């Protein structure tokens, strides 16, 4: 195992079966770039499909059938846990029932993936049970550099819409992160734009959508979730013993 670890984070792919293949083509571009940059792991951080439909997961399954590196899937608020389990039976890293939280091991960096979606809702929620799972999982490897991944940003972004539909209990999440200094990055998606924040001591990086981007509604009267000219893309996270660097990769 080398002393470098490269994680390709692709988020908010919103694959559809009826959009002429637009989202699918964008995802294929991102996967091709991840291959070019020799990613060790590819992680899709939620909103895999657009409408929680089995045929959409079928399209996604075809796209990711031959990845250049081990590929892992997390749910977002546009996903359905049961349909994901049915569509991807080879993804054995998920628990057999309940939340789809899991850990990516056997690399220089540990990646702890937290499922905090609320079925039927747009916002996210970290329950006490999930917080206990995260706390114990992090306690298992207190000395190893760690990334925690989730779908909803756990900090206030000041966007008029997305703060209402983000992780509603970011303080609980931050309290768990604060106990574990080995957490060097928190990564997420959901906002369809690049932004940066903090949870306890850990920098938080919000990945863009690979399909389309949203602008920022900061002040009263500004349109919420406007489509902008900012490019869709994905994030490339690189770790060496010197630390982390994260790069926005445009599509």
C-alpha atoms as a PDB file:
ATOM      1  CA  UNK A   1       0.000   0.000   0.000  1.00  0.00           C
ATOM      2  CA  UNK A   2       1.476   3.335  -1.036  1.00  0.00           C
ATOM      3  CA  UNK A   3       1.673   6.467   1.077  1.00  0.00           C
ATOM      4  CA  UNK A   4      -0.835   8.314  -1.136  1.00  0.00           C
ATOM      5  CA  UNK A   5      -4.598   7.899  -1.179  1.00  0.00           C
ATOM      6  CA  UNK A   6      -6.839   9.397  -3.875  1.00  0.00           C
ATOM      7  CA  UNK A   7     -10.614   9.562  -3.379  1.00  0.00           C
ATOM      8  CA  UNK A   8     -12.941  10.559  -6.217  1.00  0.00           C
ATOM      9  CA  UNK A   9     -16.151  11.992  -4.752  1.00  0.00           C
ATOM     10  CA  UNK A  10     -19.041  12.303  -7.211  1.00  0.00           C
ATOM     11  CA  UNK A  11     -22.311  13.670  -5.883  1.00  0.00           C
ATOM     12  CA  UNK A  12     -25.875  14.439  -6.866  1.00  0.00           C
ATOM     13  CA  UNK A  13     -25.743  12.534 -10.126  1.00  0.00           C
ATOM     14  CA  UNK A  14     -29.568  12.543 -10.421  1.00  0.00           C
ATOM     15  CA  UNK A  15     -29.583   9.806 -13.043  1.00  0.00           C
ATOM     16  CA  UNK A  16     -32.871   9.576 -14.924  1.00  0.00           C
ATOM     17  CA  UNK A  17     -34.361   7.195 -17.460  1.00  0.00           C
ATOM     18  CA  UNK A  18     -36.229   9.917 -19.378  1.00  0.00           C
ATOM     19  CA  UNK A  19     -33.854  12.878 -19.789  1.00  0.00           C
ATOM     20  CA  UNK A  20     -32.158  11.759 -22.983  1.00  0.00           C
ATOM     21  CA  UNK A  21     -29.179  10.480 -21.053  1.00  0.00           C
ATOM     22  CA  UNK A  22     -27.881  13.907 -19.980  1.00  0.00           C
ATOM     23  CA  UNK A  23     -27.137  12.974 -16.361  1.00  0.00           C
ATOM     24  CA  UNK A  24     -25.738   9.615 -17.462  1.00  0.00           C
ATOM     25  CA  UNK A  25     -23.285  11.288 -19.828  1.00  0.00           C
ATOM     26  CA  UNK A  26     -22.111  13.644 -17.110  1.00  0.00           C
ATOM     27  CA  UNK A  27     -21.512  10.746 -14.735  1.00  0.00           C
ATOM     28  CA  UNK A  28     -19.587   8.875 -17.409  1.00  0.00           C
ATOM     29  CA  UNK A  29     -17.352  11.930 -17.875  1.00  0.00           C
ATOM     30  CA  UNK A  30     -16.660  12.075 -14.157  1.00  0.00           C
ATOM     31  CA  UNK A  31     -15.859   8.370 -14.016  1.00  0.00           C
ATOM     32  CA  UNK A  32     -13.501   8.732 -16.975  1.00  0.00           C
ATOM     33  CA  UNK A  33     -11.696  11.557 -15.213  1.00  0.00           C
ATOM     34  CA  UNK A  34     -11.459   9.503 -12.018  1.00  0.00           C
ATOM     35  CA  UNK A  35      -9.783   6.793 -14.084  1.00  0.00           C
ATOM     36  CA  UNK A  36      -7.367   9.339 -15.564  1.00  0.00           C
ATOM     37  CA  UNK A  37      -6.378  10.545 -12.095  1.00  0.00           C
ATOM     38  CA  UNK A  38      -5.964   6.971 -10.857  1.00  0.00           C
ATOM     39  CA  UNK A  39      -8.402   7.255  -7.977  1.00  0.00           C
ATOM     40  CA  UNK A  40      -8.030   4.499  -5.391  1.00  0.00           C
ATOM     41  CA  UNK A  41     -11.705   4.706  -4.417  1.00  0.00           C
ATOM     42  CA  UNK A  42     -14.781   6.227  -6.046  1.00  0.00           C
ATOM     43  CA  UNK A  43     -17.569   7.357  -3.712  1.00  0.00           C
ATOM     44  CA  UNK A  44     -20.983   8.624  -4.837  1.00  0.00           C
ATOM     45  CA  UNK A  45     -22.386  10.732  -2.001  1.00  0.00           C
ATOM     46  CA  UNK A  46     -26.104  10.570  -2.619  1.00  0.00           C
ATOM     47  CA  UNK A  47     -28.958  11.666  -4.849  1.00  0.00           C
ATOM     48  CA  UNK A  48     -27.859   8.878  -7.133  1.00  0.00           C
ATOM     49  CA  UNK A  49     -31.118   9.052  -9.091  1.00  0.00           C
ATOM     50  CA  UNK A  50     -33.743  11.733  -9.540  1.00  0.00           C
ATOM     51  CA  UNK A  51     -37.098  10.191  -8.686  1.00  0.00           C
ATOM     52  CA  UNK A  52     -36.459   7.063  -6.567  1.00  0.00           C
ATOM     53  CA  UNK A  53     -37.432   4.786  -9.466  1.00  0.00           C
ATOM     54  CA  UNK A  54     -36.243   1.263 -10.173  1.00  0.00           C
ATOM     55  CA  UNK A  55     -35.620   2.019 -13.857  1.00  0.00           C
ATOM     56  CA  UNK A  56     -33.328   4.898 -12.874  1.00  0.00           C
ATOM     57  CA  UNK A  57     -31.271   2.589 -10.679  1.00  0.00           C
ATOM     58  CA  UNK A  58     -31.139   0.230 -13.653  1.00  0.00           C
ATOM     59  CA  UNK A  59     -29.550   2.975 -15.759  1.00  0.00           C
ATOM     60  CA  UNK A  60     -27.110   3.781 -12.960  1.00  0.00           C
ATOM     61  CA  UNK A  61     -26.182   0.123 -12.586  1.00  0.00           C
ATOM     62  CA  UNK A  62     -25.136  -0.037 -16.237  1.00  0.00           C
ATOM     63  CA  UNK A  63     -23.044   3.127 -15.983  1.00  0.00           C
ATOM     64  CA  UNK A  64     -21.046   1.942 -12.974  1.00  0.00           C
ATOM     65  CA  UNK A  65     -20.690  -1.675 -14.069  1.00  0.00           C
ATOM     66  CA  UNK A  66     -16.980  -1.383 -14.893  1.00  0.00           C
ATOM     67  CA  UNK A  67     -15.379   1.219 -12.621  1.00  0.00           C
ATOM     68  CA  UNK A  68     -11.653   1.876 -12.588  1.00  0.00           C
ATOM     69  CA  UNK A  69     -11.522   1.490  -8.793  1.00  0.00           C
ATOM     70  CA  UNK A  70     -13.705   0.095  -5.987  1.00  0.00           C
ATOM     71  CA  UNK A  71     -16.933   2.095  -6.137  1.00  0.00           C
ATOM     72  CA  UNK A  72     -19.255   2.777  -3.206  1.00  0.00           C
ATOM     73  CA  UNK A  73     -22.766   4.225  -3.091  1.00  0.00           C
ATOM     74  CA  UNK A  74     -24.408   6.384  -0.426  1.00  0.00           C
ATOM     75  CA  UNK A  75     -28.071   7.465  -0.377  1.00  0.00           C
ATOM     76  CA  UNK A  76     -29.348  11.023  -0.587  1.00  0.00           C
ATOM     77  CA  UNK A  77     -32.815  12.492  -0.169  1.00  0.00           C
ATOM     78  CA  UNK A  78     -33.720  11.440  -3.746  1.00  0.00           C
ATOM     79  CA  UNK A  79     -32.876   7.790  -3.034  1.00  0.00           C
ATOM     80  CA  UNK A  80     -34.737   4.784  -1.683  1.00  0.00           C
ATOM     81  CA  UNK A  81     -32.861   2.305   0.508  1.00  0.00           C
ATOM     82  CA  UNK A  82     -34.905  -0.740  -0.501  1.00  0.00           C
ATOM     83  CA  UNK A  83     -34.570   0.006  -4.219  1.00  0.00           C
ATOM     84  CA  UNK A  84     -30.821   0.538  -3.799  1.00  0.00           C
ATOM     85  CA  UNK A  85     -30.415  -2.831  -2.096  1.00  0.00           C
ATOM     86  CA  UNK A  86     -32.473  -4.496  -4.830  1.00  0.00           C
ATOM     87  CA  UNK A  87     -30.601  -2.823  -7.687  1.00  0.00           C
ATOM     88  CA  UNK A  88     -27.078  -3.393  -6.343  1.00  0.00           C
ATOM     89  CA  UNK A  89     -26.974  -6.845  -4.704  1.00  0.00           C
ATOM     90  CA  UNK A  90     -23.193  -7.035  -5.138  1.00  0.00           C
ATOM     91  CA  UNK A  91     -22.692  -4.070  -2.800  1.00  0.00           C
ATOM     92  CA  UNK A  92     -22.236  -6.197   0.301  1.00  0.00           C
ATOM     93  CA  UNK A  93     -20.736  -3.409   2.433  1.00  0.00           C
ATOM     94  CA  UNK A  94     -24.215  -2.147   3.371  1.00  0.00           C
ATOM     95  CA  UNK A  95     -25.942  -3.581   6.452  1.00  0.00           C
ATOM     96  CA  UNK A  96     -28.680  -6.039   5.516  1.00  0.00           C
ATOM     97  CA  UNK A  97     -31.396  -3.799   6.930  1.00  0.00           C
ATOM     98  CA  UNK A  98     -31.890  -0.302   8.259  1.00  0.00           C
ATOM     99  CA  UNK A  99     -29.560   2.558   7.487  1.00  0.00           C
ATOM    100  CA  UNK A 100     -26.943   2.259   4.755  1.00  0.00           C
ATOM    101  CA  UNK A 101     -23.991   3.453   6.828  1.00  0.00           C
ATOM    102  CA  UNK A 102     -20.657   1.733   6.254  1.00  0.00           C
ATOM    103  CA  UNK A 103     -16.872   2.099   6.468  1.00  0.00           C
ATOM    104  CA  UNK A 104     -14.278   1.891   3.695  1.00  0.00           C
ATOM    105  CA  UNK A 105     -11.243   0.192   5.220  1.00  0.00           C
ATOM    106  CA  UNK A 106      -7.825  -1.132   4.145  1.00  0.00           C
ATOM    107  CA  UNK A 107      -6.432   2.153   2.823  1.00  0.00           C
ATOM    108  CA  UNK A 108      -4.106   4.717   4.419  1.00  0.00           C
ATOM    109  CA  UNK A 109      -7.233   6.802   5.051  1.00  0.00           C
ATOM    110  CA  UNK A 110     -10.419   5.472   6.608  1.00  0.00           C
ATOM    111  CA  UNK A 111     -13.710   6.686   5.054  1.00  0.00           C
ATOM    112  CA  UNK A 112     -16.749   6.545   7.361  1.00  0.00           C
ATOM    113  CA  UNK A 113     -20.000   6.940   5.411  1.00  0.00           C
ATOM    114  CA  UNK A 114     -23.085   8.050   7.332  1.00  0.00           C
ATOM    115  CA  UNK A 115     -26.614   7.546   6.028  1.00  0.00           C
ATOM    116  CA  UNK A 116     -28.697  10.327   7.579  1.00  0.00           C
ATOM    117  CA  UNK A 117     -31.543  10.637   5.069  1.00  0.00           C
ATOM    118  CA  UNK A 118     -35.174  10.877   6.197  1.00  0.00           C
ATOM    119  CA  UNK A 119     -37.522   8.912   3.901  1.00  0.00           C
ATOM    120  CA  UNK A 120     -40.066  11.185   2.255  1.00  0.00           C
ATOM    121  CA  UNK A 121     -38.267  14.361   3.362  1.00  0.00           C
ATOM    122  CA  UNK A 122     -35.687  16.635   1.774  1.00  0.00           C
ATOM    123  CA  UNK A 123     -33.747  17.469   4.937  1.00  0.00           C
ATOM    124  CA  UNK A 124     -31.347  15.164   6.752  1.00  0.00           C
ATOM    125  CA  UNK A 125     -31.348  14.026  10.375  1.00  0.00           C
ATOM    126  CA  UNK A 126     -28.752  12.344  12.565  1.00  0.00           C
ATOM    127  CA  UNK A 127     -30.588  10.302  15.183  1.00  0.00           C
ATOM    128  CA  UNK A 128     -29.093   9.388  18.550  1.00  0.00           C
ATOM    129  CA  UNK A 129     -28.748   5.810  17.304  1.00  0.00           C
ATOM    130  CA  UNK A 130     -26.804   6.953  14.261  1.00  0.00           C
ATOM    131  CA  UNK A 131     -24.711   9.307  16.392  1.00  0.00           C
ATOM    132  CA  UNK A 132     -23.811   6.377  18.657  1.00  0.00           C
ATOM    133  CA  UNK A 133     -22.857   4.288  15.605  1.00  0.00           C
ATOM    134  CA  UNK A 134     -20.655   7.096  14.308  1.00  0.00           C
ATOM    135  CA  UNK A 135     -19.070   7.654  17.727  1.00  0.00           C
ATOM    136  CA  UNK A 136     -18.237   3.972  18.175  1.00  0.00           C
ATOM    137  CA  UNK A 137     -17.037   3.551  14.587  1.00  0.00           C
ATOM    138  CA  UNK A 138     -14.650   6.475  14.947  1.00  0.00           C
ATOM    139  CA  UNK A 139     -13.462   5.203  18.325  1.00  0.00           C
ATOM    140  CA  UNK A 140     -12.429   1.901  16.711  1.00  0.00           C
ATOM    141  CA  UNK A 141      -9.504   3.593  14.869  1.00  0.00           C
ATOM    142  CA  UNK A 142      -8.521   6.717  16.832  1.00  0.00           C
ATOM    143  CA  UNK A 143      -5.082   7.130  15.247  1.00  0.00           C
ATOM    144  CA  UNK A 144      -5.923   6.654  11.571  1.00  0.00           C
ATOM    145  CA  UNK A 145      -6.567   9.657   9.272  1.00  0.00           C
ATOM    146  CA  UNK A 146     -10.310   9.679   8.614  1.00  0.00           C
ATOM    147  CA  UNK A 147     -12.827  11.222   6.262  1.00  0.00           C
ATOM    148  CA  UNK A 148     -16.477  11.282   7.306  1.00  0.00           C
ATOM    149  CA  UNK A 149     -18.909  11.369   4.382  1.00  0.00           C
ATOM    150  CA  UNK A 150     -22.615  12.197   4.425  1.00  0.00           C
ATOM    151  CA  UNK A 151     -25.117  13.695   2.005  1.00  0.00           C
ATOM    152  CA  UNK A 152     -26.374  16.839   3.740  1.00  0.00           C
ATOM    153  CA  UNK A 153     -23.933  19.591   4.782  1.00  0.00           C
ATOM    154  CA  UNK A 154     -23.659  19.712   8.584  1.00  0.00           C
ATOM    155  CA  UNK A 155     -23.019  23.476   8.832  1.00  0.00           C
ATOM    156  CA  UNK A 156     -24.940  26.683   8.153  1.00  0.00           C
ATOM    157  CA  UNK A 157     -24.299  27.746   4.549  1.00  0.00           C
ATOM    158  CA  UNK A 158     -26.435  30.923   4.710  1.00  0.00           C
ATOM    159  CA  UNK A 159     -28.425  29.833   1.661  1.00  0.00           C
ATOM    160  CA  UNK A 160     -32.100  30.748   2.141  1.00  0.00           C
ATOM    161  CA  UNK A 161     -33.319  27.371   0.893  1.00  0.00           C
ATOM    162  CA  UNK A 162     -30.641  24.840   1.612  1.00  0.00           C
ATOM    163  CA  UNK A 163     -30.202  25.681   5.291  1.00  0.00           C
ATOM    164  CA  UNK A 164     -33.872  24.692   5.700  1.00  0.00           C
ATOM    165  CA  UNK A 165     -33.303  21.340   4.006  1.00  0.00           C
ATOM    166  CA  UNK A 166     -29.798  20.523   5.222  1.00  0.00           C
ATOM    167  CA  UNK A 167     -28.774  18.426   8.210  1.00  0.00           C
ATOM    168  CA  UNK A 168     -31.142  19.795  10.822  1.00  0.00           C
ATOM    169  CA  UNK A 169     -29.110  18.667  13.830  1.00  0.00           C
ATOM    170  CA  UNK A 170     -25.633  19.693  12.789  1.00  0.00           C
ATOM    171  CA  UNK A 171     -24.753  20.408  16.437  1.00  0.00           C
ATOM    172  CA  UNK A 172     -25.111  16.724  17.347  1.00  0.00           C
ATOM    173  CA  UNK A 173     -22.940  15.740  14.400  1.00  0.00           C
ATOM    174  CA  UNK A 174     -20.324  18.321  15.394  1.00  0.00           C
ATOM    175  CA  UNK A 175     -20.323  17.069  18.980  1.00  0.00           C
ATOM    176  CA  UNK A 176     -19.388  13.583  17.755  1.00  0.00           C
ATOM    177  CA  UNK A 177     -16.716  14.882  15.388  1.00  0.00           C
ATOM    178  CA  UNK A 178     -15.236  16.994  18.204  1.00  0.00           C
ATOM    179  CA  UNK A 179     -14.485  13.812  20.173  1.00  0.00           C
ATOM    180  CA  UNK A 180     -12.338  12.370  17.374  1.00  0.00           C
ATOM    181  CA  UNK A 181      -9.365  14.461  16.302  1.00  0.00           C
ATOM    182  CA  UNK A 182      -8.392  11.963  13.594  1.00  0.00           C
ATOM    183  CA  UNK A 183     -11.286  13.223  11.447  1.00  0.00           C
ATOM    184  CA  UNK A 184      -9.432  15.462   8.999  1.00  0.00           C
ATOM    185  CA  UNK A 185     -12.188  16.065   6.453  1.00  0.00           C
ATOM    186  CA  UNK A 186     -15.969  15.916   6.267  1.00  0.00           C
ATOM    187  CA  UNK A 187     -17.340  15.638   2.730  1.00  0.00           C
ATOM    188  CA  UNK A 188     -20.913  15.903   1.477  1.00  0.00           C
ATOM    189  CA  UNK A 189     -23.113  17.091  -1.387  1.00  0.00           C
ATOM    190  CA  UNK A 190     -26.774  18.125  -1.665  1.00  0.00           C
ATOM    191  CA  UNK A 191     -26.266  21.837  -2.489  1.00  0.00           C
ATOM    192  CA  UNK A 192     -25.234  21.335  -6.142  1.00  0.00           C
ATOM    193  CA  UNK A 193     -22.442  23.869  -5.651  1.00  0.00           C
ATOM    194  CA  UNK A 194     -18.979  23.957  -4.127  1.00  0.00           C
ATOM    195  CA  UNK A 195     -18.810  25.453  -0.659  1.00  0.00           C
ATOM    196  CA  UNK A 196     -16.647  25.097   2.420  1.00  0.00           C
ATOM    197  CA  UNK A 197     -17.427  25.125   6.119  1.00  0.00           C
ATOM    198  CA  UNK A 198     -16.465  23.534   9.393  1.00  0.00           C
ATOM    199  CA  UNK A 199     -17.802  20.952  11.841  1.00  0.00           C
ATOM    200  CA  UNK A 200     -15.948  21.096  15.165  1.00  0.00           C
ATOM    201  CA  UNK A 201     -12.254  21.022  14.159  1.00  0.00           C
ATOM    202  CA  UNK A 202     -12.823  19.393  10.754  1.00  0.00           C
ATOM    203  CA  UNK A 203     -13.064  21.283   7.451  1.00  0.00           C
ATOM    204  CA  UNK A 204     -16.227  20.427   5.509  1.00  0.00           C
ATOM    205  CA  UNK A 205     -16.181  20.330   1.714  1.00  0.00           C
ATOM    206  CA  UNK A 206     -19.437  20.350  -0.250  1.00  0.00           C
ATOM    207  CA  UNK A 207     -19.096  18.768  -3.686  1.00  0.00           C
ATOM    208  CA  UNK A 208     -20.907  20.135  -6.722  1.00  0.00           C
ATOM    209  CA  UNK A 209     -23.431  18.088  -8.630  1.00  0.00           C
ATOM    210  CA  UNK A 210     -22.139  16.240 -11.659  1.00  0.00           C
ATOM    211  CA  UNK A 211     -25.407  17.106 -13.441  1.00  0.00           C
ATOM    212  CA  UNK A 212     -26.237  20.783 -12.798  1.00  0.00           C
ATOM    213  CA  UNK A 213     -25.303  23.576 -10.412  1.00  0.00           C
ATOM    214  CA  UNK A 214     -27.337  25.962  -8.266  1.00  0.00           C
ATOM    215  CA  UNK A 215     -26.544  29.553  -7.405  1.00  0.00           C
ATOM    216  CA  UNK A 216     -26.542  31.033  -3.918  1.00  0.00           C
ATOM    217  CA  UNK A 217     -29.623  32.732  -2.446  1.00  0.00           C
ATOM    218  CA  UNK A 218     -27.950  34.790   0.274  1.00  0.00           C
ATOM    219  CA  UNK A 219     -30.282  37.766   0.670  1.00  0.00           C
ATOM    220  CA  UNK A 220     -34.056  38.194   0.853  1.00  0.00           C
ATOM    221  CA  UNK A 221     -35.538  38.578  -2.600  1.00  0.00           C
ATOM    222  CA  UNK A 222     -32.860  36.566  -4.389  1.00  0.00           C
ATOM    223  CA  UNK A 223     -34.226  33.541  -6.259  1.00  0.00           C
ATOM    224  CA  UNK A 224     -33.659  30.237  -4.485  1.00  0.00           C
ATOM    225  CA  UNK A 225     -31.870  27.396  -6.268  1.00  0.00           C
ATOM    226  CA  UNK A 226     -31.306  29.305  -9.515  1.00  0.00           C
ATOM    227  CA  UNK A 227     -29.497  27.481 -12.301  1.00  0.00           C
ATOM    228  CA  UNK A 228     -26.127  29.205 -12.811  1.00  0.00           C
ATOM    229  CA  UNK A 229     -23.278  29.253 -15.293  1.00  0.00           C
ATOM    230  CA  UNK A 230     -20.985  27.516 -12.811  1.00  0.00           C
ATOM    231  CA  UNK A 231     -19.784  24.210 -14.200  1.00  0.00           C
ATOM    232  CA  UNK A 232     -20.985  20.851 -12.848  1.00  0.00           C
ATOM    233  CA  UNK A 233     -18.182  18.707 -11.517  1.00  0.00           C
ATOM    234  CA  UNK A 234     -16.831  16.460  -8.788  1.00  0.00           C
ATOM    235  CA  UNK A 235     -14.165  16.521  -6.073  1.00  0.00           C
ATOM    236  CA  UNK A 236     -10.780  14.817  -5.955  1.00  0.00           C
ATOM    237  CA  UNK A 237      -9.396  14.379  -2.430  1.00  0.00           C
ATOM    238  CA  UNK A 238      -5.714  13.501  -2.150  1.00  0.00           C
ATOM    239  CA  UNK A 239      -3.975  12.403   1.053  1.00  0.00           C
ATOM    240  CA  UNK A 240      -0.290  11.919   1.757  1.00  0.00           C
ATOM    241  CA  UNK A 241       1.591  11.960   5.050  1.00  0.00           C
ATOM    242  CA  UNK A 242       1.820  15.738   4.588  1.00  0.00           C
ATOM    243  CA  UNK A 243      -1.979  15.989   4.835  1.00  0.00           C
ATOM    244  CA  UNK A 244      -5.023  16.502   2.619  1.00  0.00           C
ATOM    245  CA  UNK A 245      -5.645  18.511  -0.531  1.00  0.00           C
ATOM    246  CA  UNK A 246      -9.036  18.700  -2.256  1.00  0.00           C
ATOM    247  CA  UNK A 247      -9.620  19.736  -5.860  1.00  0.00           C
ATOM    248  CA  UNK A 248     -12.771  20.749  -7.718  1.00  0.00           C
ATOM    249  CA  UNK A 249     -12.814  18.991 -11.088  1.00  0.00           C
ATOM    250  CA  UNK A 250     -15.045  20.623 -13.688  1.00  0.00           C
ATOM    251  CA  UNK A 251     -17.062  18.760 -16.277  1.00  0.00           C
END
